[in-house]
Amino acid sequence: MKNKVLHRKKCMGILMLTLVVIVTFLFIININTPMMGEDFALISFYPYHEPSSVKELIQMISQRIINQATQWNIRIGEQISIIFGSINIWFYYIGNTMITFVYIVLIPTYAFGKKFKMNNTKDILIIIFSFCIIILFQPVLGEIFFWRTGSSNYLWAMCILLIFALPLRLLYEGTNVFNNKKYIILLHTILGFFAGLTNENTVIVFIVLYIGIILFRIRQREKIFIWIWSSFTTLILGFCVMFFAPSTKIRMRTYNDIFGIKNITINDYFNRALNITYRFFNENIWLVGILAIVTILYVYLNYNKIKQEVIKKKIIVYKYDTINIVFLLASAISAAALVGAPYVETRAFFLIDFFMMCSIIYFSTNMIEKYIKKIGFIIKVIMTAISILTILCCVKIYIVYNNYNKFVKNNELIIEIAKNNNDTDVYISPYKCKNNRILNTREDYLQSNLKYIESYYGIKVFYNMEELYSYNDTNEEFKDSDFKHGVDYINYDSNNDRLQAYGWAALEEQKSDENIISILLKKNDKIYKFETNKVLRKDVGEFYKDNRYDESGFSLDMHNITDIIPKDAYILGICITDNKGINYVTYTDNQIEIK
């Protein structure tokens, strides 16, 4: 008995240490995340004009929030970002670490509909498992959890909405958490207004869930508590303020102008729906796949029992299963609502991702508890593999953010030196690494809106775009016999400063679908590399009688090319990067003159 107690304490100590490591990791990544993109726009003042008192600070923040809410975006996330951008950065580091941990805990809380205790081994394991799923499978991880503007608009806003809706989730299983606690009901009612200001496509999901519980309780002739009506009212009020705000109309009109949208037809909505569906499954392939496998396994293993309960009309035994499915299906409304938006970002699927994770946690945990004795070894192998993959991913995340932070610090040093030398302008390096799930630098936004970074640093800033496209092929692997290619069209339009190229390239007897094809322009020892877009070329596959070449086509359409490279005559080359990252380079007989 004593040994069991000691073993339990030892396990608890290890688990608590793991939680400390998780929080420390999140804190370190936050510290290594510099200002990016819209962060430079969502601030109240610039470093060279800091407020002289707390009163002035509050006035400046308030005025900036009013301007943002009335002129561009009233969502609460924007205002949170402004606040964090105007106070000591350490408040953001600590706050964002804490809210990330809150989000992790909210996943099992919604999945099981109960309060999780930090002195319960099982509860801590589930929290750690939730962290692993986020790290391994959350699309656009960095944009949501580390980038200040992104986390404010999505992570913080989502947590406000989920915390507000938690009593509703518990009510779906018959638990009233308030029990006539008037002051808490008042606070919850006030929170409803701010929850309504979070995001257009997510708030509507909980409005539908509120309507569902009200109709259900009316049908069952059950009492509809006062807090249901009060919080539902303020949620709708906040949503209406956000939806009908003049700034929302301004933002929608601006994006419609950018994308050239004038008269929207039914066919346009249909095409948007197809695009949203494709985007969702393409970006969430891992989460959807895991959810499908876990759900099918769960139903298969419990099929006979579920069938018996259905026959007996006692399916209420599986009410927690049903609740998870109901919330997951309801979250799909947030994707459907995107049909009304002129463009779609992967971050917009964040609510669906949350409820997919809830279902994965719920179904997998139940299966593990039930079959741990029968297939304990297999379960341990799977959990060990997940742990190892999570650790490796965390190491990769740290390396990526640490390297990028050093890169930004170096650019800031270059700017500081230029200012000390009283220079009127300065050239800084663009970040060469491609945006990915872990890190999106948002440099494309800054390059298009240099006024924000110039105002922040107090000097005219240029990005050295030539450096971004410079390429060195000295040590690249080159096998001419393995490299099939053809350039069908290449042209430089000097009037519009536009370079266009069209053709195909493929490694012999290898699939082309995962290859990245780039156009090279070479002049003496100077080489510029431009990544192309994929084009379907079934004619190539038919010619070689090999469908592996069907996706070997490429197209390039570069505008303002002379802003990137000097005017000169260049030899045309092609580079194929395979799925292992190996580059294959060849040069053609084509020559193009940029003049």
Foldseek 3Di string as FASTA:
>chain_A
DVVVVVVLVVLLVVLVVVVVVLLVLLLLLLVLFDAFFCLLVLEQAFPVDADPDPVVLVVSLVVSLVCCCQAAAVFQLSSQSHVCSSDDVVVVSNVLSVLVLVLLLLLQCLLPVDDADSSDSVSSVLSVVSVLCLLPFPFLNCQCRHHSSSVSLFSVLVSLLSVLCSQLSNVLLPDRPCPPVPVVLVVSLVSLLNNLRRDQLQLVLVLVSLVVVVVVCVVVVHDDDPSSVSSSVSNVVNVCCRCVRPNNVVNQVVLCVVVVNDDDDPVLLVVLLVVLVVVQCVRRVPLVVLLVVLVVVLCVVCVVVCVVCVVVVNNSVVSSLVSLVSSLVSLVSSSSVCSPGPDDDNSSSVSNSSSSSSSSSNSVVVVCVVCCVPPVVVVVVVVVVSVVVSVVSSVVLSVVSNVVSVLVVVQVVQLVVCVVVVHQEGEHEDDQDDAGSSDDRNVVSCQVVVVSVCSNSVHHYDYQLLVNFWDACPPADADPVQKDWDWPDWAADQVFRKTKTKIFMGGHPAADPQKWKWKWWDDPRTIGIGTWDWDFQVVVCVVVVHCSRRGGITMDIDTPVCSHPPFAKTWIKMWIQGPVRGIYIDTDPDIYTRD
